[in-house]
PDB file of N, CA and C in Angstrom:
ATOM      1  N   UNK A   1      81.280  84.358  99.146  1.00  0.00           N
ATOM      2  CA  UNK A   1      82.089  84.945 100.205  1.00  0.00           C
ATOM      3  C   UNK A   1      83.528  85.077  99.713  1.00  0.00           C
ATOM      4  N   UNK A   2      84.163  86.165 100.098  1.00  0.00           N
ATOM      5  CA  UNK A   2      85.540  86.394  99.674  1.00  0.00           C
ATOM      6  C   UNK A   2      86.523  85.883 100.722  1.00  0.00           C
ATOM      7  N   UNK A   3      87.621  85.329 100.221  1.00  0.00           N
ATOM      8  CA  UNK A   3      88.708  84.829 101.053  1.00  0.00           C
ATOM      9  C   UNK A   3      90.023  85.323 100.480  1.00  0.00           C
ATOM     10  N   UNK A   4      90.979  85.574 101.356  1.00  0.00           N
ATOM     11  CA  UNK A   4      92.342  85.860 100.933  1.00  0.00           C
ATOM     12  C   UNK A   4      93.171  84.630 101.270  1.00  0.00           C
ATOM     13  N   UNK A   5      93.885  84.130 100.280  1.00  0.00           N
ATOM     14  CA  UNK A   5      94.753  82.973 100.439  1.00  0.00           C
ATOM     15  C   UNK A   5      96.193  83.459 100.355  1.00  0.00           C
ATOM     16  N   UNK A   6      96.976  83.194 101.383  1.00  0.00           N
ATOM     17  CA  UNK A   6      98.346  83.692 101.457  1.00  0.00           C
ATOM     18  C   UNK A   6      99.321  82.529 101.459  1.00  0.00           C
ATOM     19  N   UNK A   7     100.362  82.648 100.652  1.00  0.00           N
ATOM     20  CA  UNK A   7     101.415  81.640 100.655  1.00  0.00           C
ATOM     21  C   UNK A   7     102.726  82.318 101.035  1.00  0.00           C
ATOM     22  N   UNK A   8     103.412  81.707 101.973  1.00  0.00           N
ATOM     23  CA  UNK A   8     104.678  82.235 102.464  1.00  0.00           C
ATOM     24  C   UNK A   8     105.820  81.372 101.945  1.00  0.00           C
ATOM     25  N   UNK A   9     106.980  81.949 101.931  1.00  0.00           N
ATOM     26  CA  UNK A   9     108.191  81.219 101.572  1.00  0.00           C
ATOM     27  C   UNK A   9     109.195  81.385 102.694  1.00  0.00           C
ATOM     28  N   UNK A  10     109.952  80.387 102.903  1.00  0.00           N
ATOM     29  CA  UNK A  10     111.059  80.455 103.842  1.00  0.00           C
ATOM     30  C   UNK A  10     112.106  81.381 103.232  1.00  0.00           C
ATOM     31  N   UNK A  11     112.580  82.384 103.980  1.00  0.00           N
ATOM     32  CA  UNK A  11     113.547  83.338 103.435  1.00  0.00           C
ATOM     33  C   UNK A  11     114.806  82.645 102.947  1.00  0.00           C
ATOM     34  N   UNK A  12     115.277  81.674 103.697  1.00  0.00           N
ATOM     35  CA  UNK A  12     116.478  80.955 103.277  1.00  0.00           C
ATOM     36  C   UNK A  12     116.220  80.232 101.960  1.00  0.00           C
ATOM     37  N   UNK A  13     115.059  79.586 101.844  1.00  0.00           N
ATOM     38  CA  UNK A  13     114.714  78.904 100.603  1.00  0.00           C
ATOM     39  C   UNK A  13     114.588  79.855  99.437  1.00  0.00           C
ATOM     40  N   UNK A  14     114.039  81.045  99.707  1.00  0.00           N
ATOM     41  CA  UNK A  14     113.902  82.061  98.658  1.00  0.00           C
ATOM     42  C   UNK A  14     115.286  82.464  98.164  1.00  0.00           C
ATOM     43  N   UNK A  15     116.194  82.692  99.100  1.00  0.00           N
ATOM     44  CA  UNK A  15     117.547  83.100  98.736  1.00  0.00           C
ATOM     45  C   UNK A  15     118.281  81.996  97.970  1.00  0.00           C
ATOM     46  N   UNK A  16     117.976  80.733  98.303  1.00  0.00           N
ATOM     47  CA  UNK A  16     118.656  79.603  97.668  1.00  0.00           C
ATOM     48  C   UNK A  16     118.001  79.159  96.369  1.00  0.00           C
ATOM     49  N   UNK A  17     116.756  79.601  96.115  1.00  0.00           N
ATOM     50  CA  UNK A  17     116.005  79.099  94.958  1.00  0.00           C
ATOM     51  C   UNK A  17     116.780  79.172  93.646  1.00  0.00           C
ATOM     52  N   UNK A  18     117.436  80.277  93.334  1.00  0.00           N
ATOM     53  CA  UNK A  18     118.138  80.305  92.044  1.00  0.00           C
ATOM     54  C   UNK A  18     119.190  79.202  91.919  1.00  0.00           C
ATOM     55  N   UNK A  19     119.756  78.769  93.024  1.00  0.00           N
ATOM     56  CA  UNK A  19     120.791  77.737  92.953  1.00  0.00           C
ATOM     57  C   UNK A  19     120.284  76.318  93.109  1.00  0.00           C
ATOM     58  N   UNK A  20     119.111  76.139  93.753  1.00  0.00           N
ATOM     59  CA  UNK A  20     118.631  74.786  94.018  1.00  0.00           C
ATOM     60  C   UNK A  20     117.492  74.363  93.099  1.00  0.00           C
ATOM     61  N   UNK A  21     116.844  75.307  92.459  1.00  0.00           N
ATOM     62  CA  UNK A  21     115.775  74.989  91.515  1.00  0.00           C
ATOM     63  C   UNK A  21     116.317  75.115  90.096  1.00  0.00           C
ATOM     64  N   UNK A  22     116.093  74.112  89.282  1.00  0.00           N
ATOM     65  CA  UNK A  22     116.485  74.214  87.881  1.00  0.00           C
ATOM     66  C   UNK A  22     115.526  75.172  87.172  1.00  0.00           C
ATOM     67  N   UNK A  23     115.943  75.637  86.001  1.00  0.00           N
ATOM     68  CA  UNK A  23     115.073  76.503  85.205  1.00  0.00           C
ATOM     69  C   UNK A  23     113.752  75.790  84.913  1.00  0.00           C
ATOM     70  N   UNK A  24     113.827  74.500  84.588  1.00  0.00           N
ATOM     71  CA  UNK A  24     112.618  73.732  84.299  1.00  0.00           C
ATOM     72  C   UNK A  24     111.703  73.641  85.515  1.00  0.00           C
ATOM     73  N   UNK A  25     112.290  73.488  86.697  1.00  0.00           N
ATOM     74  CA  UNK A  25     111.489  73.425  87.922  1.00  0.00           C
ATOM     75  C   UNK A  25     110.766  74.750  88.164  1.00  0.00           C
ATOM     76  N   UNK A  26     111.469  75.862  87.995  1.00  0.00           N
ATOM     77  CA  UNK A  26     110.852  77.177  88.178  1.00  0.00           C
ATOM     78  C   UNK A  26     109.727  77.361  87.160  1.00  0.00           C
ATOM     79  N   UNK A  27     109.974  76.989  85.913  1.00  0.00           N
ATOM     80  CA  UNK A  27     108.959  77.153  84.875  1.00  0.00           C
ATOM     81  C   UNK A  27     107.754  76.249  85.133  1.00  0.00           C
ATOM     82  N   UNK A  28     107.965  75.057  85.687  1.00  0.00           N
ATOM     83  CA  UNK A  28     106.852  74.165  86.021  1.00  0.00           C
ATOM     84  C   UNK A  28     105.986  74.787  87.110  1.00  0.00           C
ATOM     85  N   UNK A  29     106.627  75.365  88.119  1.00  0.00           N
ATOM     86  CA  UNK A  29     105.870  76.000  89.201  1.00  0.00           C
ATOM     87  C   UNK A  29     105.092  77.210  88.675  1.00  0.00           C
ATOM     88  N   UNK A  30     105.729  78.033  87.865  1.00  0.00           N
ATOM     89  CA  UNK A  30     105.063  79.206  87.294  1.00  0.00           C
ATOM     90  C   UNK A  30     103.906  78.759  86.390  1.00  0.00           C
ATOM     91  N   UNK A  31     104.124  77.737  85.595  1.00  0.00           N
ATOM     92  CA  UNK A  31     103.069  77.213  84.728  1.00  0.00           C
ATOM     93  C   UNK A  31     101.888  76.684  85.524  1.00  0.00           C
ATOM     94  N   UNK A  32     102.173  76.014  86.636  1.00  0.00           N
ATOM     95  CA  UNK A  32     101.134  75.507  87.524  1.00  0.00           C
ATOM     96  C   UNK A  32     100.291  76.659  88.061  1.00  0.00           C
ATOM     97  N   UNK A  33     100.956  77.706  88.535  1.00  0.00           N
ATOM     98  CA  UNK A  33     100.241  78.866  89.080  1.00  0.00           C
ATOM     99  C   UNK A  33      99.449  79.578  87.987  1.00  0.00           C
ATOM    100  N   UNK A  34     100.020  79.712  86.797  1.00  0.00           N
ATOM    101  CA  UNK A  34      99.310  80.353  85.683  1.00  0.00           C
ATOM    102  C   UNK A  34      98.043  79.570  85.332  1.00  0.00           C
ATOM    103  N   UNK A  35      98.147  78.247  85.296  1.00  0.00           N
ATOM    104  CA  UNK A  35      96.991  77.408  84.970  1.00  0.00           C
ATOM    105  C   UNK A  35      95.912  77.524  86.051  1.00  0.00           C
ATOM    106  N   UNK A  36      96.317  77.498  87.308  1.00  0.00           N
ATOM    107  CA  UNK A  36      95.362  77.662  88.401  1.00  0.00           C
ATOM    108  C   UNK A  36      94.658  79.013  88.281  1.00  0.00           C
ATOM    109  N   UNK A  37      95.424  80.077  88.049  1.00  0.00           N
ATOM    110  CA  UNK A  37      94.837  81.411  87.919  1.00  0.00           C
ATOM    111  C   UNK A  37      93.851  81.475  86.756  1.00  0.00           C
ATOM    112  N   UNK A  38      94.205  80.853  85.641  1.00  0.00           N
ATOM    113  CA  UNK A  38      93.323  80.825  84.468  1.00  0.00           C
ATOM    114  C   UNK A  38      92.006  80.120  84.813  1.00  0.00           C
ATOM    115  N   UNK A  39      92.092  78.987  85.511  1.00  0.00           N
ATOM    116  CA  UNK A  39      90.887  78.256  85.910  1.00  0.00           C
ATOM    117  C   UNK A  39      90.013  79.102  86.836  1.00  0.00           C
ATOM    118  N   UNK A  40      90.632  79.821  87.766  1.00  0.00           N
ATOM    119  CA  UNK A  40      89.866  80.652  88.701  1.00  0.00           C
ATOM    120  C   UNK A  40      89.208  81.829  87.988  1.00  0.00           C
ATOM    121  N   UNK A  41      89.880  82.388  86.989  1.00  0.00           N
ATOM    122  CA  UNK A  41      89.274  83.463  86.192  1.00  0.00           C
ATOM    123  C   UNK A  41      88.084  82.907  85.419  1.00  0.00           C
ATOM    124  N   UNK A  42      88.267  81.748  84.766  1.00  0.00           N
ATOM    125  CA  UNK A  42      87.200  81.156  83.956  1.00  0.00           C
ATOM    126  C   UNK A  42      85.990  80.766  84.807  1.00  0.00           C
ATOM    127  N   UNK A  43      86.223  80.354  86.047  1.00  0.00           N
ATOM    128  CA  UNK A  43      85.110  79.967  86.925  1.00  0.00           C
ATOM    129  C   UNK A  43      84.443  81.189  87.573  1.00  0.00           C
ATOM    130  N   UNK A  44      85.047  82.371  87.399  1.00  0.00           N
ATOM    131  CA  UNK A  44      84.507  83.585  87.995  1.00  0.00           C
ATOM    132  C   UNK A  44      84.864  83.754  89.470  1.00  0.00           C
ATOM    133  N   UNK A  45      85.785  82.926  89.970  1.00  0.00           N
ATOM    134  CA  UNK A  45      86.143  82.975  91.389  1.00  0.00           C
ATOM    135  C   UNK A  45      87.338  83.890  91.685  1.00  0.00           C
ATOM    136  N   UNK A  46      88.130  84.224  90.687  1.00  0.00           N
ATOM    137  CA  UNK A  46      89.324  85.041  90.903  1.00  0.00           C
ATOM    138  C   UNK A  46      88.945  86.506  91.024  1.00  0.00           C
ATOM    139  N   UNK A  47      89.314  87.113  92.133  1.00  0.00           N
ATOM    140  CA  UNK A  47      89.166  88.552  92.295  1.00  0.00           C
ATOM    141  C   UNK A  47      90.500  89.204  91.971  1.00  0.00           C
ATOM    142  N   UNK A  48      91.561  88.684  92.569  1.00  0.00           N
ATOM    143  CA  UNK A  48      92.908  89.207  92.333  1.00  0.00           C
ATOM    144  C   UNK A  48      93.926  88.203  92.851  1.00  0.00           C
ATOM    145  N   UNK A  49      95.084  88.202  92.258  1.00  0.00           N
ATOM    146  CA  UNK A  49      96.177  87.374  92.738  1.00  0.00           C
ATOM    147  C   UNK A  49      97.494  87.899  92.218  1.00  0.00           C
ATOM    148  N   UNK A  50      98.533  87.743  93.010  1.00  0.00           N
ATOM    149  CA  UNK A  50      99.857  88.225  92.619  1.00  0.00           C
ATOM    150  C   UNK A  50     100.935  87.400  93.282  1.00  0.00           C
ATOM    151  N   UNK A  51     102.010  87.197  92.550  1.00  0.00           N
ATOM    152  CA  UNK A  51     103.254  86.741  93.148  1.00  0.00           C
ATOM    153  C   UNK A  51     104.014  88.001  93.541  1.00  0.00           C
ATOM    154  N   UNK A  52     104.733  87.938  94.627  1.00  0.00           N
ATOM    155  CA  UNK A  52     105.427  89.125  95.119  1.00  0.00           C
ATOM    156  C   UNK A  52     106.927  89.008  94.910  1.00  0.00           C
ATOM    157  N   UNK A  53     107.600  90.150  94.882  1.00  0.00           N
ATOM    158  CA  UNK A  53     109.054  90.155  94.726  1.00  0.00           C
ATOM    159  C   UNK A  53     109.706  89.619  95.991  1.00  0.00           C
ATOM    160  N   UNK A  54     110.978  89.321  95.881  1.00  0.00           N
ATOM    161  CA  UNK A  54     111.705  88.734  96.997  1.00  0.00           C
ATOM    162  C   UNK A  54     111.959  89.690  98.140  1.00  0.00           C
ATOM    163  N   UNK A  55     112.394  89.134  99.273  1.00  0.00           N
ATOM    164  CA  UNK A  55     112.591  89.942 100.470  1.00  0.00           C
ATOM    165  C   UNK A  55     113.641  91.030 100.311  1.00  0.00           C
ATOM    166  N   UNK A  56     114.549  90.880  99.365  1.00  0.00           N
ATOM    167  CA  UNK A  56     115.572  91.904  99.178  1.00  0.00           C
ATOM    168  C   UNK A  56     114.997  93.197  98.607  1.00  0.00           C
ATOM    169  N   UNK A  57     113.764  93.167  98.124  1.00  0.00           N
ATOM    170  CA  UNK A  57     113.129  94.360  97.576  1.00  0.00           C
ATOM    171  C   UNK A  57     112.052  94.920  98.503  1.00  0.00           C
ATOM    172  N   UNK A  58     111.848  94.303  99.662  1.00  0.00           N
ATOM    173  CA  UNK A  58     110.820  94.742 100.608  1.00  0.00           C
ATOM    174  C   UNK A  58     111.264  95.945 101.422  1.00  0.00           C
ATOM    175  N   UNK A  59     110.297  96.689 101.884  1.00  0.00           N
ATOM    176  CA  UNK A  59     110.504  97.776 102.839  1.00  0.00           C
ATOM    177  C   UNK A  59     109.471  97.598 103.948  1.00  0.00           C
ATOM    178  N   UNK A  60     109.817  98.056 105.129  1.00  0.00           N
ATOM    179  CA  UNK A  60     108.892  98.072 106.251  1.00  0.00           C
ATOM    180  C   UNK A  60     108.756  99.520 106.716  1.00  0.00           C
ATOM    181  N   UNK A  61     107.518  99.963 106.899  1.00  0.00           N
ATOM    182  CA  UNK A  61     107.247 101.329 107.328  1.00  0.00           C
ATOM    183  C   UNK A  61     106.541 101.270 108.678  1.00  0.00           C
ATOM    184  N   UNK A  62     107.030 102.085 109.608  1.00  0.00           N
ATOM    185  CA  UNK A  62     106.408 102.174 110.929  1.00  0.00           C
ATOM    186  C   UNK A  62     106.379 103.637 111.333  1.00  0.00           C
ATOM    187  N   UNK A  63     105.240 104.068 111.881  1.00  0.00           N
ATOM    188  CA  UNK A  63     105.113 105.441 112.356  1.00  0.00           C
ATOM    189  C   UNK A  63     105.750 105.579 113.726  1.00  0.00           C
ATOM    190  N   UNK A  64     106.401 106.726 113.954  1.00  0.00           N
ATOM    191  CA  UNK A  64     106.938 107.051 115.273  1.00  0.00           C
ATOM    192  C   UNK A  64     105.861 107.779 116.069  1.00  0.00           C
ATOM    193  N   UNK A  65     106.156 108.072 117.325  1.00  0.00           N
ATOM    194  CA  UNK A  65     105.206 108.792 118.192  1.00  0.00           C
ATOM    195  C   UNK A  65     104.757 110.115 117.577  1.00  0.00           C
ATOM    196  N   UNK A  66     105.676 110.807 116.867  1.00  0.00           N
ATOM    197  CA  UNK A  66     105.335 112.107 116.286  1.00  0.00           C
ATOM    198  C   UNK A  66     104.834 112.004 114.842  1.00  0.00           C
ATOM    199  N   UNK A  67     104.582 110.779 114.385  1.00  0.00           N
ATOM    200  CA  UNK A  67     104.021 110.594 113.053  1.00  0.00           C
ATOM    201  C   UNK A  67     105.030 110.506 111.938  1.00  0.00           C
ATOM    202  N   UNK A  68     106.316 110.621 112.254  1.00  0.00           N
ATOM    203  CA  UNK A  68     107.353 110.488 111.232  1.00  0.00           C
ATOM    204  C   UNK A  68     107.540 109.003 110.894  1.00  0.00           C
ATOM    205  N   UNK A  69     107.885 108.704 109.634  1.00  0.00           N
ATOM    206  CA  UNK A  69     108.066 107.296 109.277  1.00  0.00           C
ATOM    207  C   UNK A  69     109.468 106.786 109.602  1.00  0.00           C
ATOM    208  N   UNK A  70     109.518 105.540 109.992  1.00  0.00           N
ATOM    209  CA  UNK A  70     110.779 104.798 110.043  1.00  0.00           C
ATOM    210  C   UNK A  70     110.668 103.792 108.903  1.00  0.00           C
ATOM    211  N   UNK A  71     111.550 103.899 107.932  1.00  0.00           N
ATOM    212  CA  UNK A  71     111.518 103.014 106.769  1.00  0.00           C
ATOM    213  C   UNK A  71     112.794 102.190 106.790  1.00  0.00           C
ATOM    214  N   UNK A  72     112.628 100.890 106.803  1.00  0.00           N
ATOM    215  CA  UNK A  72     113.780  99.993 106.833  1.00  0.00           C
ATOM    216  C   UNK A  72     113.677  98.983 105.705  1.00  0.00           C
ATOM    217  N   UNK A  73     114.820  98.461 105.319  1.00  0.00           N
ATOM    218  CA  UNK A  73     114.820  97.331 104.403  1.00  0.00           C
ATOM    219  C   UNK A  73     114.279  96.151 105.186  1.00  0.00           C
ATOM    220  N   UNK A  74     113.627  95.279 104.503  1.00  0.00           N
ATOM    221  CA  UNK A  74     113.056  94.154 105.236  1.00  0.00           C
ATOM    222  C   UNK A  74     113.118  92.905 104.401  1.00  0.00           C
ATOM    223  N   UNK A  75     112.901  91.812 104.999  1.00  0.00           N
ATOM    224  CA  UNK A  75     112.695  91.638 106.431  1.00  0.00           C
ATOM    225  C   UNK A  75     114.021  91.591 107.170  1.00  0.00           C
ATOM    226  N   UNK A  76     113.954  91.662 108.482  1.00  0.00           N
ATOM    227  CA  UNK A  76     115.158  91.565 109.277  1.00  0.00           C
ATOM    228  C   UNK A  76     115.703  90.145 109.214  1.00  0.00           C
ATOM    229  N   UNK A  77     116.954  89.977 109.558  1.00  0.00           N
ATOM    230  CA  UNK A  77     117.596  88.670 109.434  1.00  0.00           C
ATOM    231  C   UNK A  77     116.911  87.594 110.258  1.00  0.00           C
ATOM    232  N   UNK A  78     116.231  87.965 111.353  1.00  0.00           N
ATOM    233  CA  UNK A  78     115.560  86.948 112.161  1.00  0.00           C
ATOM    234  C   UNK A  78     114.234  86.483 111.550  1.00  0.00           C
ATOM    235  N   UNK A  79     113.773  87.147 110.473  1.00  0.00           N
ATOM    236  CA  UNK A  79     112.536  86.738 109.829  1.00  0.00           C
ATOM    237  C   UNK A  79     112.727  85.388 109.170  1.00  0.00           C
ATOM    238  N   UNK A  80     111.826  84.473 109.475  1.00  0.00           N
ATOM    239  CA  UNK A  80     111.929  83.136 108.917  1.00  0.00           C
ATOM    240  C   UNK A  80     111.063  82.971 107.679  1.00  0.00           C
ATOM    241  N   UNK A  81     109.969  83.712 107.599  1.00  0.00           N
ATOM    242  CA  UNK A  81     109.067  83.582 106.470  1.00  0.00           C
ATOM    243  C   UNK A  81     108.762  84.945 105.869  1.00  0.00           C
ATOM    244  N   UNK A  82     108.537  84.941 104.569  1.00  0.00           N
ATOM    245  CA  UNK A  82     108.123  86.149 103.863  1.00  0.00           C
ATOM    246  C   UNK A  82     106.914  85.804 103.001  1.00  0.00           C
ATOM    247  N   UNK A  83     106.045  86.782 102.809  1.00  0.00           N
ATOM    248  CA  UNK A  83     104.879  86.584 101.965  1.00  0.00           C
ATOM    249  C   UNK A  83     105.348  86.472 100.521  1.00  0.00           C
ATOM    250  N   UNK A  84     105.021  85.351  99.873  1.00  0.00           N
ATOM    251  CA  UNK A  84     105.465  85.112  98.502  1.00  0.00           C
ATOM    252  C   UNK A  84     104.386  85.450  97.482  1.00  0.00           C
ATOM    253  N   UNK A  85     103.121  85.342  97.877  1.00  0.00           N
ATOM    254  CA  UNK A  85     102.049  85.637  96.944  1.00  0.00           C
ATOM    255  C   UNK A  85     100.706  85.542  97.624  1.00  0.00           C
ATOM    256  N   UNK A  86      99.676  85.989  96.900  1.00  0.00           N
ATOM    257  CA  UNK A  86      98.336  85.951  97.463  1.00  0.00           C
ATOM    258  C   UNK A  86      97.299  85.844  96.357  1.00  0.00           C
ATOM    259  N   UNK A  87      96.136  85.367  96.736  1.00  0.00           N
ATOM    260  CA  UNK A  87      94.958  85.314  95.890  1.00  0.00           C
ATOM    261  C   UNK A  87      93.798  85.860  96.706  1.00  0.00           C
ATOM    262  N   UNK A  88      92.919  86.606  96.069  1.00  0.00           N
ATOM    263  CA  UNK A  88      91.634  86.942  96.655  1.00  0.00           C
ATOM    264  C   UNK A  88      90.615  86.252  95.764  1.00  0.00           C
ATOM    265  N   UNK A  89      89.820  85.378  96.373  1.00  0.00           N
ATOM    266  CA  UNK A  89      88.832  84.616  95.618  1.00  0.00           C
ATOM    267  C   UNK A  89      87.441  84.889  96.184  1.00  0.00           C
ATOM    268  N   UNK A  90      86.461  84.801  95.326  1.00  0.00           N
ATOM    269  CA  UNK A  90      85.061  84.960  95.721  1.00  0.00           C
ATOM    270  C   UNK A  90      84.388  83.632  95.409  1.00  0.00           C
ATOM    271  N   UNK A  91      84.158  82.842  96.445  1.00  0.00           N
ATOM    272  CA  UNK A  91      83.676  81.473  96.281  1.00  0.00           C
ATOM    273  C   UNK A  91      82.370  81.279  97.041  1.00  0.00           C
ATOM    274  N   UNK A  92      81.701  80.154  96.752  1.00  0.00           N
ATOM    275  CA  UNK A  92      80.384  79.924  97.365  1.00  0.00           C
ATOM    276  C   UNK A  92      80.459  79.562  98.837  1.00  0.00           C
ATOM    277  N   UNK A  93      81.592  78.988  99.271  1.00  0.00           N
ATOM    278  CA  UNK A  93      81.686  78.591 100.681  1.00  0.00           C
ATOM    279  C   UNK A  93      83.147  78.347 101.075  1.00  0.00           C
ATOM    280  N   UNK A  94      83.348  78.143 102.368  1.00  0.00           N
ATOM    281  CA  UNK A  94      84.703  77.915 102.884  1.00  0.00           C
ATOM    282  C   UNK A  94      85.319  76.651 102.297  1.00  0.00           C
ATOM    283  N   UNK A  95      84.510  75.636 102.086  1.00  0.00           N
ATOM    284  CA  UNK A  95      85.026  74.377 101.528  1.00  0.00           C
ATOM    285  C   UNK A  95      85.748  74.622 100.209  1.00  0.00           C
ATOM    286  N   UNK A  96      85.162  75.455  99.346  1.00  0.00           N
ATOM    287  CA  UNK A  96      85.796  75.752  98.057  1.00  0.00           C
ATOM    288  C   UNK A  96      87.099  76.517  98.265  1.00  0.00           C
ATOM    289  N   UNK A  97      87.131  77.460  99.190  1.00  0.00           N
ATOM    290  CA  UNK A  97      88.368  78.197  99.478  1.00  0.00           C
ATOM    291  C   UNK A  97      89.457  77.235  99.938  1.00  0.00           C
ATOM    292  N   UNK A  98      89.085  76.258 100.758  1.00  0.00           N
ATOM    293  CA  UNK A  98      90.059  75.272 101.232  1.00  0.00           C
ATOM    294  C   UNK A  98      90.547  74.366 100.104  1.00  0.00           C
ATOM    295  N   UNK A  99      89.667  74.036  99.153  1.00  0.00           N
ATOM    296  CA  UNK A  99      90.075  73.239  97.985  1.00  0.00           C
ATOM    297  C   UNK A  99      91.128  73.982  97.164  1.00  0.00           C
ATOM    298  N   UNK A 100      90.900  75.273  96.952  1.00  0.00           N
ATOM    299  CA  UNK A 100      91.855  76.079  96.175  1.00  0.00           C
ATOM    300  C   UNK A 100      93.177  76.176  96.928  1.00  0.00           C
ATOM    301  N   UNK A 101      93.110  76.395  98.243  1.00  0.00           N
ATOM    302  CA  UNK A 101      94.336  76.478  99.045  1.00  0.00           C
ATOM    303  C   UNK A 101      95.131  75.181  98.965  1.00  0.00           C
ATOM    304  N   UNK A 102      94.445  74.046  98.958  1.00  0.00           N
ATOM    305  CA  UNK A 102      95.135  72.756  98.829  1.00  0.00           C
ATOM    306  C   UNK A 102      95.876  72.666  97.498  1.00  0.00           C
ATOM    307  N   UNK A 103      95.245  73.107  96.431  1.00  0.00           N
ATOM    308  CA  UNK A 103      95.915  73.088  95.118  1.00  0.00           C
ATOM    309  C   UNK A 103      97.148  73.979  95.127  1.00  0.00           C
ATOM    310  N   UNK A 104      97.028  75.154  95.737  1.00  0.00           N
ATOM    311  CA  UNK A 104      98.174  76.059  95.812  1.00  0.00           C
ATOM    312  C   UNK A 104      99.306  75.382  96.572  1.00  0.00           C
ATOM    313  N   UNK A 105      98.988  74.729  97.671  1.00  0.00           N
ATOM    314  CA  UNK A 105      99.995  74.048  98.488  1.00  0.00           C
ATOM    315  C   UNK A 105     100.740  72.984  97.694  1.00  0.00           C
ATOM    316  N   UNK A 106     100.066  72.382  96.732  1.00  0.00           N
ATOM    317  CA  UNK A 106     100.649  71.291  95.956  1.00  0.00           C
ATOM    318  C   UNK A 106     101.442  71.751  94.741  1.00  0.00           C
ATOM    319  N   UNK A 107     101.745  73.040  94.639  1.00  0.00           N
ATOM    320  CA  UNK A 107     102.547  73.537  93.514  1.00  0.00           C
ATOM    321  C   UNK A 107     103.846  72.752  93.436  1.00  0.00           C
ATOM    322  N   UNK A 108     104.284  72.438  92.224  1.00  0.00           N
ATOM    323  CA  UNK A 108     105.493  71.634  92.089  1.00  0.00           C
ATOM    324  C   UNK A 108     106.748  72.394  92.477  1.00  0.00           C
ATOM    325  N   UNK A 109     107.671  71.667  93.074  1.00  0.00           N
ATOM    326  CA  UNK A 109     108.979  72.194  93.438  1.00  0.00           C
ATOM    327  C   UNK A 109     110.059  71.461  92.660  1.00  0.00           C
ATOM    328  N   UNK A 110     111.276  71.429  93.183  1.00  0.00           N
ATOM    329  CA  UNK A 110     112.367  70.748  92.496  1.00  0.00           C
ATOM    330  C   UNK A 110     112.018  69.294  92.163  1.00  0.00           C
ATOM    331  N   UNK A 111     112.279  68.918  90.923  1.00  0.00           N
ATOM    332  CA  UNK A 111     112.005  67.567  90.467  1.00  0.00           C
ATOM    333  C   UNK A 111     110.532  67.264  90.308  1.00  0.00           C
ATOM    334  N   UNK A 112     109.680  68.290  90.391  1.00  0.00           N
ATOM    335  CA  UNK A 112     108.252  68.094  90.247  1.00  0.00           C
ATOM    336  C   UNK A 112     107.551  67.662  91.526  1.00  0.00           C
ATOM    337  N   UNK A 113     108.324  67.464  92.589  1.00  0.00           N
ATOM    338  CA  UNK A 113     107.735  67.047  93.862  1.00  0.00           C
ATOM    339  C   UNK A 113     106.936  68.219  94.441  1.00  0.00           C
ATOM    340  N   UNK A 114     105.697  67.966  94.932  1.00  0.00           N
ATOM    341  CA  UNK A 114     104.904  69.060  95.500  1.00  0.00           C
ATOM    342  C   UNK A 114     105.628  69.757  96.651  1.00  0.00           C
ATOM    343  N   UNK A 115     105.520  71.077  96.687  1.00  0.00           N
ATOM    344  CA  UNK A 115     106.153  71.855  97.766  1.00  0.00           C
ATOM    345  C   UNK A 115     105.436  71.655  99.096  1.00  0.00           C
ATOM    346  N   UNK A 116     104.118  71.471  99.048  1.00  0.00           N
ATOM    347  CA  UNK A 116     103.307  71.278 100.254  1.00  0.00           C
ATOM    348  C   UNK A 116     103.508  72.399 101.280  1.00  0.00           C
ATOM    349  N   UNK A 117     103.583  73.629 100.775  1.00  0.00           N
ATOM    350  CA  UNK A 117     103.719  74.779 101.667  1.00  0.00           C
ATOM    351  C   UNK A 117     102.377  75.116 102.278  1.00  0.00           C
ATOM    352  N   UNK A 118     102.371  75.618 103.533  1.00  0.00           N
ATOM    353  CA  UNK A 118     101.103  76.029 104.121  1.00  0.00           C
ATOM    354  C   UNK A 118     100.530  77.242 103.393  1.00  0.00           C
ATOM    355  N   UNK A 119      99.222  77.271 103.292  1.00  0.00           N
ATOM    356  CA  UNK A 119      98.508  78.394 102.690  1.00  0.00           C
ATOM    357  C   UNK A 119      97.502  78.880 103.726  1.00  0.00           C
ATOM    358  N   UNK A 120      97.611  80.143 104.106  1.00  0.00           N
ATOM    359  CA  UNK A 120      96.669  80.723 105.058  1.00  0.00           C
ATOM    360  C   UNK A 120      95.376  81.075 104.330  1.00  0.00           C
ATOM    361  N   UNK A 121      94.250  80.787 104.958  1.00  0.00           N
ATOM    362  CA  UNK A 121      92.934  81.074 104.389  1.00  0.00           C
ATOM    363  C   UNK A 121      92.225  82.038 105.339  1.00  0.00           C
ATOM    364  N   UNK A 122      92.027  83.268 104.862  1.00  0.00           N
ATOM    365  CA  UNK A 122      91.413  84.324 105.684  1.00  0.00           C
ATOM    366  C   UNK A 122      90.078  84.731 105.081  1.00  0.00           C
ATOM    367  N   UNK A 123      88.961  84.533 105.800  1.00  0.00           N
ATOM    368  CA  UNK A 123      87.694  85.072 105.286  1.00  0.00           C
ATOM    369  C   UNK A 123      87.728  86.594 105.363  1.00  0.00           C
ATOM    370  N   UNK A 124      87.035  87.218 104.419  1.00  0.00           N
ATOM    371  CA  UNK A 124      86.920  88.667 104.443  1.00  0.00           C
ATOM    372  C   UNK A 124      86.157  89.083 105.693  1.00  0.00           C
ATOM    373  N   UNK A 125      86.679  90.053 106.393  1.00  0.00           N
ATOM    374  CA  UNK A 125      86.032  90.524 107.615  1.00  0.00           C
ATOM    375  C   UNK A 125      85.046  91.632 107.330  1.00  0.00           C
ATOM    376  N   UNK A 126      84.264  91.935 108.329  1.00  0.00           N
ATOM    377  CA  UNK A 126      83.314  93.040 108.232  1.00  0.00           C
ATOM    378  C   UNK A 126      83.614  94.037 109.349  1.00  0.00           C
ATOM    379  N   UNK A 127      83.426  95.306 109.040  1.00  0.00           N
ATOM    380  CA  UNK A 127      83.631  96.341 110.051  1.00  0.00           C
ATOM    381  C   UNK A 127      82.568  96.206 111.127  1.00  0.00           C
ATOM    382  N   UNK A 128      82.925  96.479 112.372  1.00  0.00           N
ATOM    383  CA  UNK A 128      81.925  96.415 113.433  1.00  0.00           C
ATOM    384  C   UNK A 128      80.814  97.441 113.203  1.00  0.00           C
ATOM    385  N   UNK A 129      79.629  97.079 113.604  1.00  0.00           N
ATOM    386  CA  UNK A 129      78.474  97.971 113.425  1.00  0.00           C
ATOM    387  C   UNK A 129      78.496  99.102 114.430  1.00  0.00           C
TER     388      UNK A 129
END
């Protein structure tokens, strides 16, 4: 069964990361994610995964009543969280998806301390018959 695992970042934390995370801390987190991705590829469970650019590079598109687009920079200042990355995994059961999400949550942060960020686990849906 396929699951999408989503990790969000606090916008304020994202903006502060360059100043509060040392280069070594950033490299440890990236190395952790690279190793996890490698393990998921080797186990055949990785379908796709990506880290996303920061909120300063986001756009939001919304259709108007007449079908014209409204395109804005995003997120708005009241946004507290932004999507930081995602994985699509194909695993044997929900338990395995939850195990992977737990590992993602434990990615190291400043000083090597686990970030313990929430990870959303979404089973793949099916279109109604």
